[in-house]
Amino acid sequence: MLFPSASSFVHLLHVYSNLSNRGRGPHELLQKLNRGPKRAVPSSTGQARKARQLRESEITDLVARYVECRNLRQLAIEFRVSRGTVSKHLAAKNVDTSRGMKDADIRWAVAACAAGQSSAAIGASLGFDNHTVIRALRGVGVHIRQPAQLRAARK
């Protein structure tokens, strides 16, 4: 039997003498050694994934786009990076990525609710879900009326 190289022979002896590899014969271990280095695991598109580095102009675009949509997942898809990378770049630019309503948003929502707007309309104008708006309004003691369908069903 011929071995590919001296280092492979030493590696083979190490692997073969390792107690956790019992049951494997030397032929199987030699075949495993001769297969060569492992290849990069392809992504779902069939291509090996590479880390994508954003340029400074792209980071500026990322920040501007975040102000518009406030959605890390959407930005990660658009810029072809991970959500963690998006978050890292936004934090480096001192952009607040917390998802809750701020005090100014709550004050505006209280005024809009007093004017008769629905939680869905308030949420749409502020960029939050209506349940987030309701939770914030209840948190500051605003009485939330029942939806119109429930009020109509009681009559």
Protein backbone atom coordinates (compact mmCIF):
# COMPACT_ATOMS: atom_id res chain seq x y z
CA MET A 1 0.00 0.00 0.00
CA LEU A 2 1.28 3.46 -0.87
CA PHE A 3 0.62 6.48 1.32
CA PRO A 4 0.14 9.95 -0.22
CA SER A 5 2.78 11.60 1.99
CA ALA A 6 4.60 11.18 5.27
CA SER A 7 2.30 13.65 7.04
CA SER A 8 -0.72 11.70 5.79
CA PHE A 9 0.84 8.51 7.12
CA VAL A 10 1.31 10.10 10.55
CA HIS A 11 -2.24 11.40 10.44
CA LEU A 12 -3.50 7.95 9.45
CA LEU A 13 -1.67 6.37 12.37
CA HIS A 14 -3.09 9.00 14.71
CA VAL A 15 -6.65 8.51 13.46
CA TYR A 16 -6.38 4.73 13.38
CA SER A 17 -5.01 4.54 16.90
CA ASN A 18 -7.67 6.89 18.25
CA LEU A 19 -10.08 4.89 20.42
CA SER A 20 -13.13 6.76 19.16
CA ASN A 21 -12.51 5.44 15.62
CA ARG A 22 -12.76 1.74 16.46
CA GLY A 23 -14.54 -0.30 13.88
CA ARG A 24 -13.00 1.53 10.94
CA GLY A 25 -10.49 -0.39 8.95
CA PRO A 26 -7.31 1.04 7.46
CA HIS A 27 -8.73 0.84 3.92
CA GLU A 28 -11.67 3.05 4.86
CA LEU A 29 -9.36 5.55 6.55
CA LEU A 30 -7.04 5.64 3.52
CA GLN A 31 -9.98 6.32 1.23
CA LYS A 32 -11.07 9.14 3.49
CA LEU A 33 -7.57 10.63 3.39
CA ASN A 34 -7.33 10.40 -0.39
CA ARG A 35 -10.59 12.29 -0.98
CA GLY A 36 -8.79 15.59 -0.52
CA PRO A 37 -9.70 18.73 1.35
CA LYS A 38 -13.32 19.43 2.21
CA ARG A 39 -15.07 21.88 -0.05
CA ALA A 40 -17.03 24.89 1.11
CA VAL A 41 -20.66 24.05 1.74
CA PRO A 42 -22.75 25.65 -0.98
CA SER A 43 -25.67 27.90 -0.09
CA SER A 44 -29.23 27.19 -1.17
CA THR A 45 -28.46 28.88 -4.50
CA GLY A 46 -25.67 26.39 -5.21
CA GLN A 47 -22.80 28.83 -4.77
CA ALA A 48 -20.34 29.01 -1.91
CA ARG A 49 -21.17 31.90 0.40
CA LYS A 50 -18.68 34.70 0.86
CA ALA A 51 -18.71 37.36 3.52
CA ARG A 52 -19.92 40.58 1.95
CA GLN A 53 -18.21 43.79 3.03
CA LEU A 54 -20.21 47.00 2.73
CA ARG A 55 -18.58 50.15 1.37
CA GLU A 56 -19.03 53.43 3.20
CA SER A 57 -21.53 54.64 0.58
CA GLU A 58 -23.54 51.43 1.06
CA ILE A 59 -23.54 51.94 4.83
CA THR A 60 -24.89 55.47 4.30
CA ASP A 61 -27.61 54.03 2.05
CA LEU A 62 -28.32 51.36 4.68
CA VAL A 63 -28.87 53.99 7.37
CA ALA A 64 -31.12 56.07 5.11
CA ARG A 65 -33.13 53.00 4.14
CA TYR A 66 -33.49 51.97 7.79
CA VAL A 67 -34.99 55.36 8.63
CA GLU A 68 -37.60 54.69 5.92
CA CYS A 69 -38.57 51.09 6.68
CA ARG A 70 -37.24 50.31 10.23
CA ASN A 71 -36.98 46.62 9.35
CA LEU A 72 -33.64 44.85 9.89
CA ARG A 73 -34.73 41.68 8.10
CA GLN A 74 -35.78 43.58 4.99
CA LEU A 75 -32.49 45.51 4.92
CA ALA A 76 -30.49 42.30 5.32
CA ILE A 77 -32.22 40.89 2.25
CA GLU A 78 -31.81 44.08 0.21
CA PHE A 79 -28.11 44.53 1.03
CA ARG A 80 -27.34 40.77 0.98
CA VAL A 81 -25.84 40.68 4.48
CA SER A 82 -26.93 39.19 7.80
CA ARG A 83 -29.23 40.96 10.24
CA GLY A 84 -26.34 41.07 12.67
CA THR A 85 -24.24 42.95 10.13
CA VAL A 86 -27.08 45.43 9.55
CA SER A 87 -27.43 45.92 13.30
CA LYS A 88 -23.66 46.35 13.72
CA HIS A 89 -23.46 49.07 11.06
CA LEU A 90 -26.49 50.90 12.44
CA ALA A 91 -25.07 50.82 15.96
CA ALA A 92 -21.75 52.17 14.66
CA LYS A 93 -23.66 55.12 13.17
CA ASN A 94 -25.55 55.65 16.49
CA VAL A 95 -28.93 54.74 14.97
CA ASP A 96 -31.52 53.65 17.54
CA THR A 97 -32.88 50.25 16.47
CA SER A 98 -35.19 49.61 19.41
CA ARG A 99 -38.62 48.62 18.18
CA GLY A 100 -40.87 50.04 20.89
CA MET A 101 -42.79 53.27 20.71
CA LYS A 102 -40.92 56.30 22.00
CA ASP A 103 -42.45 58.89 24.33
CA ALA A 104 -43.07 61.29 21.44
CA ASP A 105 -44.86 58.51 19.51
CA ILE A 106 -47.03 57.72 22.53
CA ARG A 107 -47.94 61.38 23.03
CA TRP A 108 -48.93 61.64 19.37
CA ALA A 109 -50.94 58.40 19.64
CA VAL A 110 -52.81 59.68 22.72
CA ALA A 111 -53.75 62.88 20.87
CA ALA A 112 -54.82 60.92 17.77
CA CYS A 113 -56.87 58.52 19.90
CA ALA A 114 -58.59 61.46 21.60
CA ALA A 115 -59.38 62.83 18.14
CA GLY A 116 -61.16 59.56 17.31
CA GLN A 117 -58.61 57.73 15.16
CA SER A 118 -58.49 53.95 15.35
CA SER A 119 -55.45 52.10 16.65
CA ALA A 120 -54.91 50.66 13.16
CA ALA A 121 -54.85 54.15 11.61
CA ILE A 122 -52.50 55.42 14.33
CA GLY A 123 -50.23 52.41 13.88
CA ALA A 124 -50.15 52.84 10.11
CA SER A 125 -49.17 56.49 10.38
CA LEU A 126 -46.46 55.79 12.99
CA GLY A 127 -45.18 52.55 11.44
CA PHE A 128 -46.29 50.24 14.27
CA ASP A 129 -48.76 47.38 14.54
CA ASN A 130 -52.14 48.33 16.02
CA HIS A 131 -51.53 45.98 18.96
CA THR A 132 -48.34 47.87 19.78
CA VAL A 133 -50.32 51.12 19.77
CA ILE A 134 -53.05 49.64 22.01
CA ARG A 135 -50.46 48.31 24.48
CA ALA A 136 -48.73 51.71 24.64
CA LEU A 137 -52.02 53.56 25.10
CA ARG A 138 -53.13 51.22 27.86
CA GLY A 139 -49.72 51.66 29.47
CA VAL A 140 -50.36 55.38 29.94
CA GLY A 141 -53.94 54.82 31.14
CA VAL A 142 -55.97 55.57 28.01
CA HIS A 143 -59.28 53.71 27.86
CA ILE A 144 -59.48 51.73 24.61
CA ARG A 145 -62.94 51.39 23.12
CA GLN A 146 -64.03 48.10 21.57
CA PRO A 147 -63.79 47.56 17.81
CA ALA A 148 -66.74 48.75 15.73
CA GLN A 149 -67.80 45.18 14.87
CA LEU A 150 -68.17 44.28 18.55
CA ARG A 151 -70.07 47.49 19.32
CA ALA A 152 -72.47 46.82 16.41
CA ALA A 153 -73.01 43.19 17.49
CA ARG A 154 -74.14 44.27 20.98
CA LYS A 155 -76.92 46.51 19.63
